[in-house]
Amino acid sequence: MIKGKTEITIIKLNLLTMEKTNQKPDYFLLRPEVEKAYGYSHAVKIGNNLKISGAVSMDDEGNPIAVGDFEQQMKNCYSDLEKVLKHYGCNFDDVVVENVFTTNMPKFLEVSGYRTEIYKKQFPTGSWLGVKELALPEFLIEIELEAHKEE
């Protein structure tokens, strides 16, 4: 008898999972011309999950800004990420994963305290990765996020 109940429970769980994954992706372009030229979407939301491509410090035409100023580049990344989160009715409290890519890990560690102004409730999981280079040589930091929001 217990075996039969377990099988029914597993089937119900699988159906719930299938229902959630069959939802249509909702794509968002923060800078449509730049993103189309480079071939990516800045974010995609499927169900309650949001994935945001790496944000870098650029203007609306895709030109690097705050060149050489690591801390300002980091702030510009978070500013763009906040715009994407707000588009989907989210905020930094909804972020569950943050991955940081930087060409200067010592400088990131020096200014990473700024993140306490971003994450007021808790810090997300994630990785900090030192890399040789990013998409353009002027970019010093790139931050990607994943968020989860119950509807």
C-alpha atoms as a PDB file:
ATOM      1  CA  MET A   1       0.000   0.000   0.000  1.00  0.00           C
ATOM      2  CA  ILE A   2       2.789   2.463   0.860  1.00  0.00           C
ATOM      3  CA  LYS A   3       4.505   1.748  -2.465  1.00  0.00           C
ATOM      4  CA  GLY A   4       1.374   2.784  -4.375  1.00  0.00           C
ATOM      5  CA  LYS A   5       1.098   6.074  -2.478  1.00  0.00           C
ATOM      6  CA  THR A   6       4.760   6.838  -3.135  1.00  0.00           C
ATOM      7  CA  GLU A   7       4.323   6.279  -6.875  1.00  0.00           C
ATOM      8  CA  ILE A   8       1.265   8.569  -6.938  1.00  0.00           C
ATOM      9  CA  THR A   9       3.160  11.271  -5.075  1.00  0.00           C
ATOM     10  CA  ILE A  10       6.065  11.057  -7.520  1.00  0.00           C
ATOM     11  CA  ILE A  11       3.698  11.305 -10.486  1.00  0.00           C
ATOM     12  CA  LYS A  12       2.018  14.369  -8.945  1.00  0.00           C
ATOM     13  CA  LEU A  13       5.413  16.017  -8.355  1.00  0.00           C
ATOM     14  CA  ASN A  14       6.470  15.313 -11.942  1.00  0.00           C
ATOM     15  CA  LEU A  15       3.257  16.860 -13.258  1.00  0.00           C
ATOM     16  CA  LEU A  16       3.822  19.974 -11.153  1.00  0.00           C
ATOM     17  CA  THR A  17       7.377  20.268 -12.436  1.00  0.00           C
ATOM     18  CA  MET A  18       6.240  19.799 -16.049  1.00  0.00           C
ATOM     19  CA  GLU A  19       3.588  22.486 -15.672  1.00  0.00           C
ATOM     20  CA  LYS A  20       6.178  24.990 -14.473  1.00  0.00           C
ATOM     21  CA  THR A  21       8.736  24.212 -17.178  1.00  0.00           C
ATOM     22  CA  ASN A  22       6.165  24.376 -19.986  1.00  0.00           C
ATOM     23  CA  GLN A  23       5.730  28.122 -19.457  1.00  0.00           C
ATOM     24  CA  LYS A  24       6.699  30.386 -22.324  1.00  0.00           C
ATOM     25  CA  PRO A  25       9.973  32.316 -21.936  1.00  0.00           C
ATOM     26  CA  ASP A  26       9.626  36.116 -21.645  1.00  0.00           C
ATOM     27  CA  TYR A  27      12.703  37.825 -23.109  1.00  0.00           C
ATOM     28  CA  PHE A  28      13.828  41.377 -22.302  1.00  0.00           C
ATOM     29  CA  LEU A  29      16.282  43.625 -24.122  1.00  0.00           C
ATOM     30  CA  LEU A  30      17.702  46.501 -22.060  1.00  0.00           C
ATOM     31  CA  ARG A  31      19.548  48.003 -25.039  1.00  0.00           C
ATOM     32  CA  PRO A  32      17.821  46.417 -28.048  1.00  0.00           C
ATOM     33  CA  GLU A  33      20.199  47.639 -30.761  1.00  0.00           C
ATOM     34  CA  VAL A  34      23.341  46.644 -28.860  1.00  0.00           C
ATOM     35  CA  GLU A  35      21.955  43.275 -27.807  1.00  0.00           C
ATOM     36  CA  LYS A  36      20.738  42.452 -31.317  1.00  0.00           C
ATOM     37  CA  ALA A  37      24.133  43.426 -32.762  1.00  0.00           C
ATOM     38  CA  TYR A  38      25.979  41.151 -30.322  1.00  0.00           C
ATOM     39  CA  GLY A  39      23.351  38.394 -30.433  1.00  0.00           C
ATOM     40  CA  TYR A  40      22.011  38.035 -26.894  1.00  0.00           C
ATOM     41  CA  SER A  41      19.020  38.869 -24.709  1.00  0.00           C
ATOM     42  CA  HIS A  42      19.695  40.715 -21.486  1.00  0.00           C
ATOM     43  CA  ALA A  43      17.193  38.626 -19.545  1.00  0.00           C
ATOM     44  CA  VAL A  44      14.700  35.802 -19.794  1.00  0.00           C
ATOM     45  CA  LYS A  45      11.960  34.920 -17.327  1.00  0.00           C
ATOM     46  CA  ILE A  46      10.383  31.474 -17.245  1.00  0.00           C
ATOM     47  CA  GLY A  47       7.743  31.031 -14.608  1.00  0.00           C
ATOM     48  CA  ASN A  48       9.100  32.365 -11.325  1.00  0.00           C
ATOM     49  CA  ASN A  49      12.739  32.249 -12.441  1.00  0.00           C
ATOM     50  CA  LEU A  50      14.671  35.105 -14.015  1.00  0.00           C
ATOM     51  CA  LYS A  51      18.121  34.830 -15.600  1.00  0.00           C
ATOM     52  CA  ILE A  52      19.987  38.057 -16.354  1.00  0.00           C
ATOM     53  CA  SER A  53      22.994  38.155 -18.670  1.00  0.00           C
ATOM     54  CA  GLY A  54      26.171  39.745 -17.425  1.00  0.00           C
ATOM     55  CA  ALA A  55      25.915  43.505 -17.037  1.00  0.00           C
ATOM     56  CA  VAL A  56      28.916  45.657 -17.895  1.00  0.00           C
ATOM     57  CA  SER A  57      29.519  49.394 -17.689  1.00  0.00           C
ATOM     58  CA  MET A  58      28.258  50.707 -21.039  1.00  0.00           C
ATOM     59  CA  ASP A  59      26.114  53.493 -22.439  1.00  0.00           C
ATOM     60  CA  ASP A  60      23.013  52.944 -24.572  1.00  0.00           C
ATOM     61  CA  GLU A  61      25.137  52.670 -27.737  1.00  0.00           C
ATOM     62  CA  GLY A  62      27.311  49.924 -26.233  1.00  0.00           C
ATOM     63  CA  ASN A  63      30.348  52.102 -25.547  1.00  0.00           C
ATOM     64  CA  PRO A  64      32.302  51.449 -22.339  1.00  0.00           C
ATOM     65  CA  ILE A  65      31.821  54.099 -19.639  1.00  0.00           C
ATOM     66  CA  ALA A  66      33.775  54.834 -16.448  1.00  0.00           C
ATOM     67  CA  VAL A  67      36.868  53.479 -18.210  1.00  0.00           C
ATOM     68  CA  GLY A  68      39.573  52.746 -15.649  1.00  0.00           C
ATOM     69  CA  ASP A  69      37.246  53.411 -12.667  1.00  0.00           C
ATOM     70  CA  PHE A  70      36.552  49.967 -11.205  1.00  0.00           C
ATOM     71  CA  GLU A  71      34.148  51.065  -8.467  1.00  0.00           C
ATOM     72  CA  GLN A  72      32.040  53.168 -10.835  1.00  0.00           C
ATOM     73  CA  GLN A  73      31.916  50.325 -13.346  1.00  0.00           C
ATOM     74  CA  MET A  74      30.616  48.032 -10.587  1.00  0.00           C
ATOM     75  CA  LYS A  75      27.956  50.610  -9.625  1.00  0.00           C
ATOM     76  CA  ASN A  76      26.935  50.947 -13.285  1.00  0.00           C
ATOM     77  CA  CYS A  77      26.530  47.164 -13.501  1.00  0.00           C
ATOM     78  CA  TYR A  78      24.211  47.128 -10.476  1.00  0.00           C
ATOM     79  CA  SER A  79      22.258  50.072 -11.886  1.00  0.00           C
ATOM     80  CA  ASP A  80      21.557  48.153 -15.105  1.00  0.00           C
ATOM     81  CA  LEU A  81      20.740  44.985 -13.196  1.00  0.00           C
ATOM     82  CA  GLU A  82      18.258  46.912 -11.061  1.00  0.00           C
ATOM     83  CA  LYS A  83      16.500  48.162 -14.231  1.00  0.00           C
ATOM     84  CA  VAL A  84      16.075  44.590 -15.455  1.00  0.00           C
ATOM     85  CA  LEU A  85      14.870  43.354 -12.066  1.00  0.00           C
ATOM     86  CA  LYS A  86      12.329  46.200 -11.863  1.00  0.00           C
ATOM     87  CA  HIS A  87      11.058  45.383 -15.369  1.00  0.00           C
ATOM     88  CA  TYR A  88       9.952  42.021 -13.983  1.00  0.00           C
ATOM     89  CA  GLY A  89       8.668  43.381 -10.655  1.00  0.00           C
ATOM     90  CA  CYS A  90      11.706  42.115  -8.762  1.00  0.00           C
ATOM     91  CA  ASN A  91      14.423  43.677  -6.628  1.00  0.00           C
ATOM     92  CA  PHE A  92      17.759  42.569  -5.206  1.00  0.00           C
ATOM     93  CA  ASP A  93      15.977  40.712  -2.373  1.00  0.00           C
ATOM     94  CA  ASP A  94      14.761  38.264  -5.052  1.00  0.00           C
ATOM     95  CA  VAL A  95      18.284  37.478  -6.312  1.00  0.00           C
ATOM     96  CA  VAL A  96      19.387  33.913  -5.551  1.00  0.00           C
ATOM     97  CA  VAL A  97      22.608  33.733  -7.608  1.00  0.00           C
ATOM     98  CA  GLU A  98      25.188  36.407  -8.382  1.00  0.00           C
ATOM     99  CA  ASN A  99      28.261  35.619 -10.460  1.00  0.00           C
ATOM    100  CA  VAL A 100      30.985  38.246 -10.749  1.00  0.00           C
ATOM    101  CA  PHE A 101      33.641  38.127 -13.448  1.00  0.00           C
ATOM    102  CA  THR A 102      36.540  40.539 -13.106  1.00  0.00           C
ATOM    103  CA  THR A 103      39.905  41.216 -14.655  1.00  0.00           C
ATOM    104  CA  ASN A 104      41.104  42.652 -11.314  1.00  0.00           C
ATOM    105  CA  MET A 105      40.142  40.479  -8.345  1.00  0.00           C
ATOM    106  CA  PRO A 106      42.216  42.433  -5.779  1.00  0.00           C
ATOM    107  CA  LYS A 107      40.354  45.637  -6.702  1.00  0.00           C
ATOM    108  CA  PHE A 108      36.995  43.854  -6.562  1.00  0.00           C
ATOM    109  CA  LEU A 109      37.807  42.556  -3.088  1.00  0.00           C
ATOM    110  CA  GLU A 110      38.734  46.102  -2.075  1.00  0.00           C
ATOM    111  CA  VAL A 111      35.371  47.579  -3.146  1.00  0.00           C
ATOM    112  CA  SER A 112      33.089  44.550  -2.665  1.00  0.00           C
ATOM    113  CA  GLY A 113      31.722  46.085   0.547  1.00  0.00           C
ATOM    114  CA  TYR A 114      29.482  48.184  -1.714  1.00  0.00           C
ATOM    115  CA  ARG A 115      27.397  45.035  -2.137  1.00  0.00           C
ATOM    116  CA  THR A 116      25.979  45.586   1.377  1.00  0.00           C
ATOM    117  CA  GLU A 117      24.130  48.574  -0.105  1.00  0.00           C
ATOM    118  CA  ILE A 118      22.656  46.278  -2.780  1.00  0.00           C
ATOM    119  CA  TYR A 119      21.800  43.181  -0.742  1.00  0.00           C
ATOM    120  CA  LYS A 120      20.047  44.443   2.376  1.00  0.00           C
ATOM    121  CA  LYS A 121      18.351  41.216   3.554  1.00  0.00           C
ATOM    122  CA  GLN A 122      20.779  38.469   2.566  1.00  0.00           C
ATOM    123  CA  PHE A 123      23.516  37.743   0.075  1.00  0.00           C
ATOM    124  CA  PRO A 124      22.794  35.376  -2.819  1.00  0.00           C
ATOM    125  CA  THR A 125      24.868  32.333  -3.668  1.00  0.00           C
ATOM    126  CA  GLY A 126      27.343  32.693  -6.477  1.00  0.00           C
ATOM    127  CA  SER A 127      30.937  32.804  -7.600  1.00  0.00           C
ATOM    128  CA  TRP A 128      33.601  35.444  -7.967  1.00  0.00           C
ATOM    129  CA  LEU A 129      35.836  34.649 -10.900  1.00  0.00           C
ATOM    130  CA  GLY A 130      39.064  36.315 -11.976  1.00  0.00           C
ATOM    131  CA  VAL A 131      39.299  36.255 -15.765  1.00  0.00           C
ATOM    132  CA  LYS A 132      41.916  37.265 -18.317  1.00  0.00           C
ATOM    133  CA  GLU A 133      39.550  39.535 -20.263  1.00  0.00           C
ATOM    134  CA  LEU A 134      35.921  40.457 -20.823  1.00  0.00           C
ATOM    135  CA  ALA A 135      34.124  41.331 -24.084  1.00  0.00           C
ATOM    136  CA  LEU A 136      35.955  44.658 -24.480  1.00  0.00           C
ATOM    137  CA  PRO A 137      39.322  45.518 -22.930  1.00  0.00           C
ATOM    138  CA  GLU A 138      37.834  48.544 -21.120  1.00  0.00           C
ATOM    139  CA  PHE A 139      35.434  46.365 -19.118  1.00  0.00           C
ATOM    140  CA  LEU A 140      36.839  45.515 -15.691  1.00  0.00           C
ATOM    141  CA  ILE A 141      33.807  43.754 -14.203  1.00  0.00           C
ATOM    142  CA  GLU A 142      30.719  41.863 -15.372  1.00  0.00           C
ATOM    143  CA  ILE A 143      27.900  40.716 -13.089  1.00  0.00           C
ATOM    144  CA  GLU A 144      25.186  38.185 -13.948  1.00  0.00           C
ATOM    145  CA  LEU A 145      22.190  37.319 -11.797  1.00  0.00           C
ATOM    146  CA  GLU A 146      19.471  34.761 -11.282  1.00  0.00           C
ATOM    147  CA  ALA A 147      16.327  35.697  -9.360  1.00  0.00           C
ATOM    148  CA  HIS A 148      13.280  33.856  -8.104  1.00  0.00           C
ATOM    149  CA  LYS A 149       9.966  35.552  -7.365  1.00  0.00           C
ATOM    150  CA  GLU A 150       6.807  33.851  -6.183  1.00  0.00           C
ATOM    151  CA  GLU A 151       3.806  35.204  -8.061  1.00  0.00           C
END
